[in-house]
Amino acid sequence: MKRLLRLPEVLSRAGVSRSYVYDGVKTGKFPKPVKITERTSAWIESEVQEWIDQRIAERDSGPDAELTRDEESETERAA
């Protein structure tokens, strides 16, 4: 069963601003919302999670991936 997320939950999970979400929808860089009623929209939870997972994959496979992993290790050691 698919779950729908309202904007505050999308912002919280994705860690981005409202303007980033709507700009991303316009440019195809963020999932499109589903119209629930005339004045209400929501996002499909799995699509938002997939967007988040793609950002993580890009980070982990990019040219700075090794540096990022080293920084994470240092942070874990400091904790």
C-alpha atoms as a PDB file:
ATOM      1  CA  MET A   1       0.000   0.000   0.000  1.00  0.00           C
ATOM      2  CA  LYS A   2       1.330   3.417  -0.919  1.00  0.00           C
ATOM      3  CA  ARG A   3       1.461   6.141   1.699  1.00  0.00           C
ATOM      4  CA  LEU A   4       1.071   9.843   0.985  1.00  0.00           C
ATOM      5  CA  LEU A   5       3.111  12.546   2.705  1.00  0.00           C
ATOM      6  CA  ARG A   6       1.994  16.130   3.151  1.00  0.00           C
ATOM      7  CA  LEU A   7       4.461  18.959   2.569  1.00  0.00           C
ATOM      8  CA  PRO A   8       5.707  19.387   6.185  1.00  0.00           C
ATOM      9  CA  GLU A   9       6.669  15.701   6.319  1.00  0.00           C
ATOM     10  CA  VAL A  10       8.347  15.893   2.885  1.00  0.00           C
ATOM     11  CA  LEU A  11      10.389  18.903   4.027  1.00  0.00           C
ATOM     12  CA  SER A  12      11.376  17.142   7.239  1.00  0.00           C
ATOM     13  CA  ARG A  13      12.414  13.903   5.544  1.00  0.00           C
ATOM     14  CA  ALA A  14      14.200  15.458   2.578  1.00  0.00           C
ATOM     15  CA  GLY A  15      15.847  18.246   4.565  1.00  0.00           C
ATOM     16  CA  VAL A  16      15.147  20.841   1.883  1.00  0.00           C
ATOM     17  CA  SER A  17      13.131  24.046   1.711  1.00  0.00           C
ATOM     18  CA  ARG A  18       9.640  24.503   0.351  1.00  0.00           C
ATOM     19  CA  SER A  19      10.976  26.556  -2.560  1.00  0.00           C
ATOM     20  CA  TYR A  20      13.491  23.804  -3.408  1.00  0.00           C
ATOM     21  CA  VAL A  21      10.687  21.234  -3.546  1.00  0.00           C
ATOM     22  CA  TYR A  22       8.503  23.309  -5.870  1.00  0.00           C
ATOM     23  CA  ASP A  23      11.437  24.390  -8.061  1.00  0.00           C
ATOM     24  CA  GLY A  24      12.536  20.744  -8.216  1.00  0.00           C
ATOM     25  CA  VAL A  25       9.054  19.650  -9.260  1.00  0.00           C
ATOM     26  CA  LYS A  26       9.092  22.231 -12.077  1.00  0.00           C
ATOM     27  CA  THR A  27      12.514  21.127 -13.334  1.00  0.00           C
ATOM     28  CA  GLY A  28      11.939  17.401 -12.826  1.00  0.00           C
ATOM     29  CA  LYS A  29      14.563  17.136 -10.075  1.00  0.00           C
ATOM     30  CA  PHE A  30      12.054  16.289  -7.336  1.00  0.00           C
ATOM     31  CA  PRO A  31       9.024  13.966  -7.402  1.00  0.00           C
ATOM     32  CA  LYS A  32       5.716  15.483  -8.482  1.00  0.00           C
ATOM     33  CA  PRO A  33       2.920  15.702  -5.924  1.00  0.00           C
ATOM     34  CA  VAL A  34      -0.423  13.945  -6.258  1.00  0.00           C
ATOM     35  CA  LYS A  35      -3.511  16.136  -6.122  1.00  0.00           C
ATOM     36  CA  ILE A  36      -5.742  14.885  -3.294  1.00  0.00           C
ATOM     37  CA  THR A  37      -8.394  17.583  -3.380  1.00  0.00           C
ATOM     38  CA  GLU A  38      -8.758  20.883  -5.166  1.00  0.00           C
ATOM     39  CA  ARG A  39      -6.513  22.583  -2.595  1.00  0.00           C
ATOM     40  CA  THR A  40      -4.457  19.690  -1.206  1.00  0.00           C
ATOM     41  CA  SER A  41      -1.445  17.852  -2.582  1.00  0.00           C
ATOM     42  CA  ALA A  42       0.779  15.112  -1.200  1.00  0.00           C
ATOM     43  CA  TRP A  43       3.834  13.149  -2.282  1.00  0.00           C
ATOM     44  CA  ILE A  44       4.130   9.394  -2.590  1.00  0.00           C
ATOM     45  CA  GLU A  45       6.364   8.256   0.269  1.00  0.00           C
ATOM     46  CA  SER A  46       8.316   5.731  -1.820  1.00  0.00           C
ATOM     47  CA  GLU A  47       9.139   8.389  -4.463  1.00  0.00           C
ATOM     48  CA  VAL A  48      10.448  10.800  -1.823  1.00  0.00           C
ATOM     49  CA  GLN A  49      12.511   7.992  -0.270  1.00  0.00           C
ATOM     50  CA  GLU A  50      13.872   7.066  -3.702  1.00  0.00           C
ATOM     51  CA  TRP A  51      14.913  10.705  -4.238  1.00  0.00           C
ATOM     52  CA  ILE A  52      16.726  10.662  -0.869  1.00  0.00           C
ATOM     53  CA  ASP A  53      18.392   7.327  -1.709  1.00  0.00           C
ATOM     54  CA  GLN A  54      19.576   8.740  -5.047  1.00  0.00           C
ATOM     55  CA  ARG A  55      21.198  11.720  -3.308  1.00  0.00           C
ATOM     56  CA  ILE A  56      23.017   9.317  -0.985  1.00  0.00           C
ATOM     57  CA  ALA A  57      24.126   7.122  -3.910  1.00  0.00           C
ATOM     58  CA  GLU A  58      25.438  10.176  -5.770  1.00  0.00           C
ATOM     59  CA  ARG A  59      27.410  11.199  -2.703  1.00  0.00           C
ATOM     60  CA  ASP A  60      28.842   7.726  -2.232  1.00  0.00           C
ATOM     61  CA  SER A  61      29.838   7.266  -5.877  1.00  0.00           C
ATOM     62  CA  GLY A  62      31.064  10.776  -6.649  1.00  0.00           C
ATOM     63  CA  PRO A  63      34.674  11.964  -6.897  1.00  0.00           C
ATOM     64  CA  ASP A  64      34.652  13.007  -3.233  1.00  0.00           C
ATOM     65  CA  ALA A  65      33.176   9.698  -2.032  1.00  0.00           C
ATOM     66  CA  GLU A  66      36.362   8.537  -0.303  1.00  0.00           C
ATOM     67  CA  LEU A  67      36.778  11.908   1.412  1.00  0.00           C
ATOM     68  CA  THR A  68      33.185  11.774   2.640  1.00  0.00           C
ATOM     69  CA  ARG A  69      33.661   8.285   4.089  1.00  0.00           C
ATOM     70  CA  ASP A  70      36.847   9.433   5.867  1.00  0.00           C
ATOM     71  CA  GLU A  71      34.983  12.428   7.320  1.00  0.00           C
ATOM     72  CA  GLU A  72      32.192  10.139   8.550  1.00  0.00           C
ATOM     73  CA  SER A  73      34.741   7.842  10.214  1.00  0.00           C
ATOM     74  CA  GLU A  74      36.329  10.798  12.006  1.00  0.00           C
ATOM     75  CA  THR A  75      32.926  11.977  13.208  1.00  0.00           C
ATOM     76  CA  GLU A  76      32.079   8.502  14.520  1.00  0.00           C
ATOM     77  CA  ARG A  77      35.417   8.284  16.353  1.00  0.00           C
ATOM     78  CA  ALA A  78      34.866  11.692  17.950  1.00  0.00           C
ATOM     79  CA  ALA A  79      31.422  10.707  19.272  1.00  0.00           C
END
